[in-house]
Amino acid sequence: MRCGALLLSLLLALTACSVTVTVPLPPQEVKLPVASDTMGLIVYPAAPSSFPSPGSALKNVVVRGTLEASQSLNLTLDLYARVSDPKQDKNCVALSDFASTYAYVCTPGPENGPIGRASFSNATSASLQLQGEKLTQGLQQGRVWLGVMVQGLPAGQVTFTYKDLVATVTLGL
């Protein structure tokens, strides 16, 4: 009986050392090119989403928000995050318009972590609930690239915007 009471006291003490906070994240836009040669690859914006880090003792991270498309879609997209700059990755290729680089196309690999899916049903927006190791690392560092895997998109350029993102973060032991 003493052992059970001791274990319960220890669990309560550890629970008291955790706190849940919400962190608003800035929107991030991903432009997909007109060309269809990016099928099965992950497209990231040229610049990361930057924000104040909630700390390094993150136990759990869930990000909720919306993914908006520039046109109505009927498909499901796999979503990814990365913390290393795609500009420095030999497995990524820059996409440029006449003036500047607007995105990077990367082959799937260890730098790219799956974080969820977005399902569009003849709509321009999809609800998001994102989780994953790269997303957690990005929150710890205060910057993250959010990308989409290109598959089955209609012809023409499509722009996706991660909007109204709020991270619910558990900090503690």
N, C-alpha and C. Protein backbone atom coordinates (compact mmCIF):
# COMPACT_ATOMS: atom_id res chain seq x y z
N MET A 1 0.82 -1.18 0.00
CA MET A 1 0.00 0.00 0.00
C MET A 1 0.86 1.25 0.00
N ARG A 2 1.96 1.24 0.77
CA ARG A 2 2.86 2.41 0.81
C ARG A 2 3.46 2.67 -0.55
N CYS A 3 3.78 1.61 -1.27
CA CYS A 3 4.41 1.75 -2.57
C CYS A 3 3.44 2.44 -3.54
N GLY A 4 2.16 2.07 -3.49
CA GLY A 4 1.16 2.70 -4.35
C GLY A 4 0.99 4.18 -4.05
N ALA A 5 0.97 4.53 -2.75
CA ALA A 5 0.84 5.93 -2.36
C ALA A 5 2.06 6.73 -2.80
N LEU A 6 3.25 6.14 -2.68
CA LEU A 6 4.48 6.79 -3.10
C LEU A 6 4.46 7.02 -4.62
N LEU A 7 4.03 6.02 -5.37
CA LEU A 7 3.96 6.13 -6.82
C LEU A 7 2.96 7.22 -7.22
N LEU A 8 1.81 7.25 -6.57
CA LEU A 8 0.81 8.28 -6.86
C LEU A 8 1.36 9.68 -6.55
N SER A 9 2.06 9.83 -5.45
CA SER A 9 2.66 11.13 -5.09
C SER A 9 3.69 11.55 -6.13
N LEU A 10 4.50 10.60 -6.60
CA LEU A 10 5.52 10.89 -7.60
C LEU A 10 4.86 11.33 -8.92
N LEU A 11 3.81 10.62 -9.33
CA LEU A 11 3.10 10.99 -10.56
C LEU A 11 2.48 12.37 -10.46
N LEU A 12 1.89 12.70 -9.32
CA LEU A 12 1.32 14.03 -9.13
C LEU A 12 2.39 15.11 -9.17
N ALA A 13 3.54 14.83 -8.59
CA ALA A 13 4.64 15.80 -8.60
C ALA A 13 5.14 16.04 -10.02
N LEU A 14 5.26 14.97 -10.81
CA LEU A 14 5.71 15.11 -12.19
C LEU A 14 4.68 15.86 -13.04
N THR A 15 3.41 15.60 -12.81
CA THR A 15 2.36 16.31 -13.52
C THR A 15 2.39 17.79 -13.20
N ALA A 16 2.70 18.12 -11.98
CA ALA A 16 2.76 19.52 -11.57
C ALA A 16 3.91 20.26 -12.25
N CYS A 17 4.88 19.53 -12.76
CA CYS A 17 6.04 20.14 -13.41
C CYS A 17 5.81 20.39 -14.90
N SER A 18 4.62 20.10 -15.39
CA SER A 18 4.29 20.31 -16.79
C SER A 18 3.29 21.45 -16.91
N VAL A 19 3.40 22.17 -18.00
CA VAL A 19 2.45 23.24 -18.28
C VAL A 19 2.15 23.23 -19.78
N THR A 20 0.90 23.52 -20.12
CA THR A 20 0.49 23.58 -21.51
C THR A 20 0.30 25.05 -21.90
N VAL A 21 0.92 25.43 -23.01
CA VAL A 21 0.79 26.80 -23.52
C VAL A 21 0.38 26.74 -24.99
N THR A 22 -0.21 27.83 -25.46
CA THR A 22 -0.52 27.93 -26.89
C THR A 22 0.40 28.99 -27.51
N VAL A 23 0.86 28.68 -28.69
CA VAL A 23 1.78 29.55 -29.41
C VAL A 23 1.21 29.82 -30.79
N PRO A 24 0.82 31.08 -31.09
CA PRO A 24 0.35 31.37 -32.45
C PRO A 24 1.54 31.36 -33.41
N LEU A 25 1.33 30.77 -34.57
CA LEU A 25 2.39 30.70 -35.57
C LEU A 25 1.98 31.55 -36.78
N PRO A 26 2.95 32.19 -37.42
CA PRO A 26 2.62 33.03 -38.57
C PRO A 26 2.18 32.18 -39.77
N PRO A 27 1.41 32.76 -40.68
CA PRO A 27 1.02 32.02 -41.88
C PRO A 27 2.25 31.72 -42.74
N GLN A 28 2.14 30.70 -43.55
CA GLN A 28 3.23 30.34 -44.45
C GLN A 28 2.63 29.95 -45.79
N GLU A 29 3.18 30.49 -46.87
CA GLU A 29 2.65 30.26 -48.21
C GLU A 29 3.59 29.37 -49.00
N VAL A 30 3.00 28.39 -49.71
CA VAL A 30 3.77 27.49 -50.57
C VAL A 30 3.18 27.58 -51.97
N LYS A 31 3.98 28.08 -52.91
CA LYS A 31 3.54 28.17 -54.31
C LYS A 31 4.04 26.94 -55.05
N LEU A 32 3.10 26.27 -55.72
CA LEU A 32 3.47 25.12 -56.53
C LEU A 32 3.55 25.55 -57.98
N PRO A 33 4.56 25.10 -58.69
CA PRO A 33 4.74 25.55 -60.07
C PRO A 33 3.69 24.98 -61.00
N VAL A 34 3.59 25.58 -62.17
CA VAL A 34 2.69 25.12 -63.22
C VAL A 34 3.14 23.75 -63.72
N ALA A 35 4.43 23.54 -63.84
CA ALA A 35 4.97 22.29 -64.36
C ALA A 35 4.61 21.13 -63.44
N SER A 36 4.36 19.97 -64.02
CA SER A 36 3.97 18.81 -63.22
C SER A 36 5.15 17.89 -62.91
N ASP A 37 6.37 18.36 -63.12
CA ASP A 37 7.53 17.51 -62.87
C ASP A 37 7.91 17.45 -61.38
N THR A 38 7.03 17.87 -60.51
CA THR A 38 7.29 17.81 -59.07
C THR A 38 6.46 16.71 -58.40
N MET A 39 5.80 15.86 -59.17
CA MET A 39 4.97 14.79 -58.61
C MET A 39 5.80 13.89 -57.69
N GLY A 40 5.27 13.62 -56.49
CA GLY A 40 5.95 12.75 -55.53
C GLY A 40 7.07 13.43 -54.77
N LEU A 41 7.25 14.73 -55.00
CA LEU A 41 8.28 15.50 -54.30
C LEU A 41 7.61 16.46 -53.31
N ILE A 42 8.39 16.99 -52.40
CA ILE A 42 7.87 17.90 -51.38
C ILE A 42 8.30 19.32 -51.74
N VAL A 43 7.32 20.23 -51.75
CA VAL A 43 7.60 21.64 -52.08
C VAL A 43 7.52 22.45 -50.79
N TYR A 44 8.59 23.21 -50.52
CA TYR A 44 8.67 24.09 -49.35
C TYR A 44 8.83 25.53 -49.82
N PRO A 45 8.37 26.48 -49.03
CA PRO A 45 8.62 27.88 -49.37
C PRO A 45 10.11 28.18 -49.21
N ALA A 46 10.56 29.24 -49.86
CA ALA A 46 11.97 29.61 -49.78
C ALA A 46 12.37 30.04 -48.36
N ALA A 47 11.45 30.70 -47.66
CA ALA A 47 11.76 31.20 -46.31
C ALA A 47 10.96 30.41 -45.26
N PRO A 48 11.55 30.20 -44.10
CA PRO A 48 10.84 29.47 -43.05
C PRO A 48 9.83 30.36 -42.34
N SER A 49 8.98 29.73 -41.58
CA SER A 49 8.11 30.44 -40.65
C SER A 49 8.93 30.65 -39.39
N SER A 50 9.09 31.89 -38.95
CA SER A 50 9.88 32.20 -37.76
C SER A 50 8.98 32.79 -36.67
N PHE A 51 9.29 32.44 -35.42
CA PHE A 51 8.47 32.83 -34.28
C PHE A 51 9.29 32.63 -33.01
N PRO A 52 8.88 33.22 -31.89
CA PRO A 52 9.60 33.00 -30.63
C PRO A 52 9.44 31.55 -30.18
N SER A 53 10.53 30.92 -29.83
CA SER A 53 10.50 29.53 -29.37
C SER A 53 9.89 29.45 -27.97
N PRO A 54 8.99 28.47 -27.74
CA PRO A 54 8.43 28.31 -26.39
C PRO A 54 9.40 27.62 -25.44
N GLY A 55 10.54 27.14 -25.92
CA GLY A 55 11.52 26.49 -25.06
C GLY A 55 11.95 25.16 -25.61
N SER A 56 12.91 24.55 -24.95
CA SER A 56 13.47 23.29 -25.44
C SER A 56 12.91 22.06 -24.74
N ALA A 57 12.14 22.23 -23.68
CA ALA A 57 11.62 21.09 -22.93
C ALA A 57 10.20 20.75 -23.40
N LEU A 58 10.04 20.58 -24.72
CA LEU A 58 8.72 20.28 -25.26
C LEU A 58 8.43 18.79 -25.14
N LYS A 59 7.29 18.46 -24.54
CA LYS A 59 6.90 17.07 -24.41
C LYS A 59 5.93 16.67 -25.51
N ASN A 60 5.07 17.58 -25.90
CA ASN A 60 4.05 17.26 -26.88
C ASN A 60 3.70 18.53 -27.65
N VAL A 61 3.53 18.40 -28.96
CA VAL A 61 3.17 19.54 -29.80
C VAL A 61 2.06 19.10 -30.75
N VAL A 62 0.98 19.87 -30.77
CA VAL A 62 -0.09 19.68 -31.74
C VAL A 62 -0.39 21.06 -32.33
N VAL A 63 -0.37 21.15 -33.65
CA VAL A 63 -0.67 22.40 -34.32
C VAL A 63 -2.00 22.24 -35.06
N ARG A 64 -2.89 23.18 -34.81
CA ARG A 64 -4.19 23.19 -35.49
C ARG A 64 -4.30 24.46 -36.31
N GLY A 65 -5.03 24.38 -37.41
CA GLY A 65 -5.23 25.54 -38.26
C GLY A 65 -5.92 25.13 -39.54
N THR A 66 -5.63 25.87 -40.60
CA THR A 66 -6.28 25.66 -41.89
C THR A 66 -5.23 25.71 -42.99
N LEU A 67 -5.43 24.89 -44.01
CA LEU A 67 -4.63 24.98 -45.23
C LEU A 67 -5.58 25.48 -46.32
N GLU A 68 -5.27 26.65 -46.88
CA GLU A 68 -6.11 27.22 -47.92
C GLU A 68 -5.41 27.07 -49.27
N ALA A 69 -6.21 26.77 -50.29
CA ALA A 69 -5.71 26.64 -51.66
C ALA A 69 -6.25 27.79 -52.50
N SER A 70 -5.49 28.17 -53.52
CA SER A 70 -5.90 29.28 -54.37
C SER A 70 -7.00 28.88 -55.36
N GLN A 71 -7.36 27.61 -55.38
CA GLN A 71 -8.47 27.15 -56.20
C GLN A 71 -9.13 25.95 -55.53
N SER A 72 -10.36 25.67 -55.92
CA SER A 72 -11.09 24.56 -55.35
C SER A 72 -10.42 23.24 -55.75
N LEU A 73 -10.26 22.34 -54.78
CA LEU A 73 -9.58 21.06 -55.02
C LEU A 73 -10.41 19.91 -54.48
N ASN A 74 -10.16 18.73 -55.02
CA ASN A 74 -10.78 17.51 -54.53
C ASN A 74 -9.67 16.47 -54.43
N LEU A 75 -8.89 16.54 -53.35
CA LEU A 75 -7.76 15.63 -53.16
C LEU A 75 -7.27 15.68 -51.72
N THR A 76 -6.37 14.76 -51.40
CA THR A 76 -5.73 14.74 -50.09
C THR A 76 -4.23 14.91 -50.30
N LEU A 77 -3.63 15.82 -49.55
CA LEU A 77 -2.19 16.09 -49.64
C LEU A 77 -1.49 15.62 -48.38
N ASP A 78 -0.30 15.07 -48.55
CA ASP A 78 0.56 14.76 -47.41
C ASP A 78 1.37 16.01 -47.10
N LEU A 79 1.48 16.32 -45.81
CA LEU A 79 2.15 17.53 -45.36
C LEU A 79 3.43 17.17 -44.61
N TYR A 80 4.44 18.02 -44.76
CA TYR A 80 5.76 17.76 -44.19
C TYR A 80 6.32 19.00 -43.52
N ALA A 81 7.29 18.77 -42.64
CA ALA A 81 8.03 19.87 -42.01
C ALA A 81 9.51 19.53 -42.07
N ARG A 82 10.30 20.57 -42.05
CA ARG A 82 11.76 20.42 -41.95
C ARG A 82 12.32 21.58 -41.17
N VAL A 83 13.48 21.36 -40.54
CA VAL A 83 14.12 22.42 -39.76
C VAL A 83 15.41 22.90 -40.41
N SER A 84 15.94 22.13 -41.34
CA SER A 84 17.17 22.56 -42.02
C SER A 84 16.80 23.28 -43.31
N ASP A 85 17.58 24.27 -43.65
CA ASP A 85 17.33 25.11 -44.81
C ASP A 85 17.44 24.29 -46.10
N PRO A 86 16.36 24.22 -46.89
CA PRO A 86 16.44 23.46 -48.15
C PRO A 86 17.45 24.04 -49.13
N LYS A 87 17.78 25.30 -48.96
CA LYS A 87 18.79 25.94 -49.81
C LYS A 87 20.15 25.24 -49.67
N GLN A 88 20.41 24.69 -48.48
CA GLN A 88 21.68 24.03 -48.20
C GLN A 88 21.65 22.51 -48.45
N ASP A 89 20.52 21.98 -48.92
CA ASP A 89 20.33 20.54 -49.08
C ASP A 89 20.52 20.15 -50.54
N LYS A 90 21.45 19.22 -50.81
CA LYS A 90 21.71 18.79 -52.18
C LYS A 90 20.54 18.01 -52.78
N ASN A 91 19.59 17.58 -51.94
CA ASN A 91 18.42 16.86 -52.42
C ASN A 91 17.24 17.79 -52.72
N CYS A 92 17.51 19.10 -52.71
CA CYS A 92 16.47 20.09 -53.00
C CYS A 92 16.91 20.96 -54.17
N VAL A 93 15.93 21.36 -54.97
CA VAL A 93 16.18 22.20 -56.14
C VAL A 93 15.35 23.47 -56.00
N ALA A 94 15.98 24.61 -56.29
CA ALA A 94 15.29 25.90 -56.19
C ALA A 94 14.32 26.09 -57.35
N LEU A 95 13.16 26.67 -57.03
CA LEU A 95 12.19 27.08 -58.04
C LEU A 95 12.22 28.61 -58.06
N SER A 96 12.44 29.19 -59.23
CA SER A 96 12.59 30.64 -59.32
C SER A 96 11.67 31.21 -60.38
N ASP A 97 11.25 32.45 -60.13
CA ASP A 97 10.58 33.20 -61.18
C ASP A 97 11.65 34.12 -61.76
N PHE A 98 11.29 35.16 -62.38
CA PHE A 98 12.28 36.02 -63.02
C PHE A 98 13.17 36.76 -62.02
N ALA A 99 12.65 37.02 -60.82
CA ALA A 99 13.38 37.85 -59.87
C ALA A 99 14.01 37.09 -58.71
N SER A 100 13.36 36.02 -58.23
CA SER A 100 13.88 35.39 -57.02
C SER A 100 13.39 33.95 -56.87
N THR A 101 14.01 33.25 -55.92
CA THR A 101 13.59 31.90 -55.58
C THR A 101 12.36 31.98 -54.70
N TYR A 102 11.30 31.26 -55.08
CA TYR A 102 10.05 31.30 -54.30
C TYR A 102 9.79 29.99 -53.55
N ALA A 103 10.48 28.90 -53.95
CA ALA A 103 10.24 27.61 -53.29
C ALA A 103 11.40 26.67 -53.57
N TYR A 104 11.40 25.55 -52.84
CA TYR A 104 12.35 24.46 -53.07
C TYR A 104 11.58 23.17 -53.21
N VAL A 105 12.01 22.34 -54.15
CA VAL A 105 11.43 21.01 -54.34
C VAL A 105 12.46 20.01 -53.82
N CYS A 106 12.02 19.16 -52.88
CA CYS A 106 12.93 18.22 -52.22
C CYS A 106 12.45 16.79 -52.38
N THR A 107 13.41 15.89 -52.57
CA THR A 107 13.06 14.47 -52.58
C THR A 107 12.81 14.03 -51.14
N PRO A 108 11.87 13.11 -50.93
CA PRO A 108 11.63 12.62 -49.56
C PRO A 108 12.91 12.02 -48.98
N GLY A 109 13.15 12.30 -47.72
CA GLY A 109 14.34 11.81 -47.04
C GLY A 109 14.28 12.16 -45.56
N PRO A 110 15.35 11.89 -44.83
CA PRO A 110 15.34 12.09 -43.38
C PRO A 110 15.18 13.54 -42.92
N GLU A 111 15.47 14.50 -43.76
CA GLU A 111 15.31 15.91 -43.38
C GLU A 111 13.85 16.35 -43.40
N ASN A 112 13.01 15.56 -44.05
CA ASN A 112 11.59 15.89 -44.22
C ASN A 112 10.76 14.95 -43.36
N GLY A 113 10.04 15.52 -42.40
CA GLY A 113 9.23 14.69 -41.52
C GLY A 113 7.75 14.85 -41.79
N PRO A 114 7.01 13.73 -41.91
CA PRO A 114 5.57 13.83 -42.11
C PRO A 114 4.90 14.43 -40.88
N ILE A 115 3.92 15.31 -41.11
CA ILE A 115 3.23 15.97 -39.99
C ILE A 115 1.72 15.84 -40.07
N GLY A 116 1.19 15.31 -41.17
CA GLY A 116 -0.25 15.15 -41.28
C GLY A 116 -0.71 15.18 -42.71
N ARG A 117 -2.04 15.31 -42.86
CA ARG A 117 -2.65 15.34 -44.19
C ARG A 117 -3.70 16.44 -44.21
N ALA A 118 -3.97 16.92 -45.41
CA ALA A 118 -5.04 17.89 -45.63
C ALA A 118 -5.95 17.33 -46.70
N SER A 119 -7.23 17.22 -46.39
CA SER A 119 -8.21 16.68 -47.34
C SER A 119 -9.12 17.79 -47.83
N PHE A 120 -9.11 17.99 -49.13
CA PHE A 120 -9.98 18.97 -49.78
C PHE A 120 -11.09 18.21 -50.48
N SER A 121 -12.33 18.61 -50.23
CA SER A 121 -13.49 17.97 -50.86
C SER A 121 -14.25 19.03 -51.63
N ASN A 122 -13.81 19.27 -52.87
CA ASN A 122 -14.35 20.34 -53.71
C ASN A 122 -14.41 21.65 -52.92
N ALA A 123 -13.28 21.98 -52.30
CA ALA A 123 -13.21 23.15 -51.43
C ALA A 123 -11.86 23.84 -51.60
N THR A 124 -11.77 25.05 -51.04
CA THR A 124 -10.52 25.80 -51.07
C THR A 124 -9.82 25.79 -49.72
N SER A 125 -10.40 25.12 -48.71
CA SER A 125 -9.72 25.05 -47.41
C SER A 125 -9.93 23.69 -46.77
N ALA A 126 -8.98 23.32 -45.93
CA ALA A 126 -9.02 22.06 -45.21
C ALA A 126 -8.52 22.30 -43.79
N SER A 127 -9.16 21.67 -42.82
CA SER A 127 -8.73 21.77 -41.42
C SER A 127 -7.47 20.95 -41.23
N LEU A 128 -6.63 21.44 -40.33
CA LEU A 128 -5.36 20.77 -40.05
C LEU A 128 -5.23 20.39 -38.59
N GLN A 129 -4.62 19.24 -38.35
CA GLN A 129 -4.11 18.86 -37.04
C GLN A 129 -2.78 18.20 -37.32
N LEU A 130 -1.70 18.89 -36.97
CA LEU A 130 -0.36 18.48 -37.34
C LEU A 130 0.46 18.07 -36.12
N GLN A 131 1.25 17.01 -36.28
CA GLN A 131 2.17 16.55 -35.25
C GLN A 131 3.35 15.87 -35.93
N GLY A 132 4.47 15.84 -35.26
CA GLY A 132 5.62 15.12 -35.78
C GLY A 132 6.91 15.64 -35.20
N GLU A 133 7.93 14.80 -35.33
CA GLU A 133 9.24 15.12 -34.76
C GLU A 133 9.84 16.40 -35.33
N LYS A 134 9.79 16.57 -36.65
CA LYS A 134 10.37 17.77 -37.28
C LYS A 134 9.59 19.03 -36.88
N LEU A 135 8.28 18.90 -36.72
CA LEU A 135 7.47 20.02 -36.27
C LEU A 135 7.86 20.42 -34.85
N THR A 136 8.02 19.44 -33.98
CA THR A 136 8.45 19.71 -32.60
C THR A 136 9.82 20.36 -32.59
N GLN A 137 10.76 19.84 -33.39
CA GLN A 137 12.10 20.43 -33.46
C GLN A 137 12.03 21.87 -33.96
N GLY A 138 11.17 22.12 -34.94
CA GLY A 138 11.02 23.47 -35.47
C GLY A 138 10.50 24.44 -34.43
N LEU A 139 9.55 24.00 -33.62
CA LEU A 139 9.05 24.86 -32.55
C LEU A 139 10.14 25.12 -31.52
N GLN A 140 10.95 24.12 -31.22
CA GLN A 140 12.05 24.31 -30.28
C GLN A 140 13.05 25.34 -30.81
N GLN A 141 13.29 25.33 -32.11
CA GLN A 141 14.26 26.24 -32.72
C GLN A 141 13.68 27.61 -33.07
N GLY A 142 12.36 27.71 -33.13
CA GLY A 142 11.74 28.98 -33.50
C GLY A 142 11.68 29.24 -34.99
N ARG A 143 11.84 28.18 -35.80
CA ARG A 143 11.68 28.31 -37.25
C ARG A 143 11.45 26.92 -37.85
N VAL A 144 10.56 26.89 -38.85
CA VAL A 144 10.23 25.63 -39.49
C VAL A 144 9.72 25.91 -40.90
N TRP A 145 10.04 25.03 -41.82
CA TRP A 145 9.50 25.08 -43.18
C TRP A 145 8.35 24.08 -43.22
N LEU A 146 7.18 24.52 -43.67
CA LEU A 146 6.02 23.64 -43.83
C LEU A 146 5.81 23.42 -45.32
N GLY A 147 5.72 22.15 -45.72
CA GLY A 147 5.61 21.85 -47.13
C GLY A 147 4.47 20.92 -47.46
N VAL A 148 4.27 20.73 -48.76
CA VAL A 148 3.25 19.82 -49.27
C VAL A 148 3.88 18.88 -50.29
N MET A 149 3.41 17.62 -50.27
CA MET A 149 3.85 16.68 -51.30
C MET A 149 2.91 16.81 -52.48
N VAL A 150 3.48 17.01 -53.62
CA VAL A 150 2.70 17.24 -54.83
C VAL A 150 2.27 15.91 -55.43
N GLN A 151 0.94 15.76 -55.61
CA GLN A 151 0.40 14.57 -56.25
C GLN A 151 -1.02 14.86 -56.72
N GLY A 152 -1.27 14.68 -57.99
CA GLY A 152 -2.61 14.83 -58.53
C GLY A 152 -3.19 16.22 -58.53
N LEU A 153 -2.37 17.25 -58.65
CA LEU A 153 -2.89 18.62 -58.70
C LEU A 153 -3.38 18.95 -60.10
N PRO A 154 -4.35 19.86 -60.18
CA PRO A 154 -4.81 20.30 -61.50
C PRO A 154 -3.72 21.11 -62.20
N ALA A 155 -3.90 21.29 -63.49
CA ALA A 155 -2.94 22.09 -64.26
C ALA A 155 -2.99 23.53 -63.77
N GLY A 156 -1.88 24.20 -63.89
CA GLY A 156 -1.80 25.60 -63.46
C GLY A 156 -1.19 25.72 -62.07
N GLN A 157 -0.75 26.92 -61.77
CA GLN A 157 -0.12 27.17 -60.49
C GLN A 157 -1.15 27.14 -59.36
N VAL A 158 -0.79 26.52 -58.24
CA VAL A 158 -1.64 26.48 -57.05
C VAL A 158 -0.82 27.02 -55.90
N THR A 159 -1.42 27.87 -55.10
CA THR A 159 -0.76 28.39 -53.91
C THR A 159 -1.50 27.88 -52.68
N PHE A 160 -0.74 27.33 -51.74
CA PHE A 160 -1.30 26.87 -50.47
C PHE A 160 -0.83 27.81 -49.38
N THR A 161 -1.73 28.13 -48.45
CA THR A 161 -1.37 28.98 -47.33
C THR A 161 -1.77 28.30 -46.03
N TYR A 162 -0.77 28.05 -45.20
CA TYR A 162 -1.03 27.56 -43.84
C TYR A 162 -1.48 28.78 -43.05
N LYS A 163 -2.72 28.76 -42.52
CA LYS A 163 -3.28 29.93 -41.84
C LYS A 163 -3.83 29.57 -40.47
N ASP A 164 -3.97 30.60 -39.65
CA ASP A 164 -4.58 30.48 -38.32
C ASP A 164 -3.97 29.34 -37.52
N LEU A 165 -2.65 29.19 -37.62
CA LEU A 165 -1.96 28.11 -36.93
C LEU A 165 -1.74 28.45 -35.47
N VAL A 166 -2.13 27.51 -34.61
CA VAL A 166 -1.90 27.65 -33.18
C VAL A 166 -1.33 26.33 -32.69
N ALA A 167 -0.16 26.42 -32.06
CA ALA A 167 0.49 25.23 -31.50
C ALA A 167 0.09 25.12 -30.04
N THR A 168 -0.38 23.94 -29.66
CA THR A 168 -0.61 23.64 -28.26
C THR A 168 0.60 22.81 -27.82
N VAL A 169 1.35 23.36 -26.89
CA VAL A 169 2.64 22.79 -26.51
C VAL A 169 2.63 22.44 -25.03
N THR A 170 3.05 21.22 -24.71
CA THR A 170 3.23 20.83 -23.31
C THR A 170 4.71 20.93 -23.00
N LEU A 171 5.03 21.76 -22.00
CA LEU A 171 6.41 21.96 -21.56
C LEU A 171 6.59 21.27 -20.21
N GLY A 172 7.76 20.73 -20.00
CA GLY A 172 8.05 20.14 -18.70
C GLY A 172 9.01 18.97 -18.80
N LEU A 173 9.02 18.17 -17.72
CA LEU A 173 9.92 17.03 -17.64
C LEU A 173 9.56 15.96 -18.63
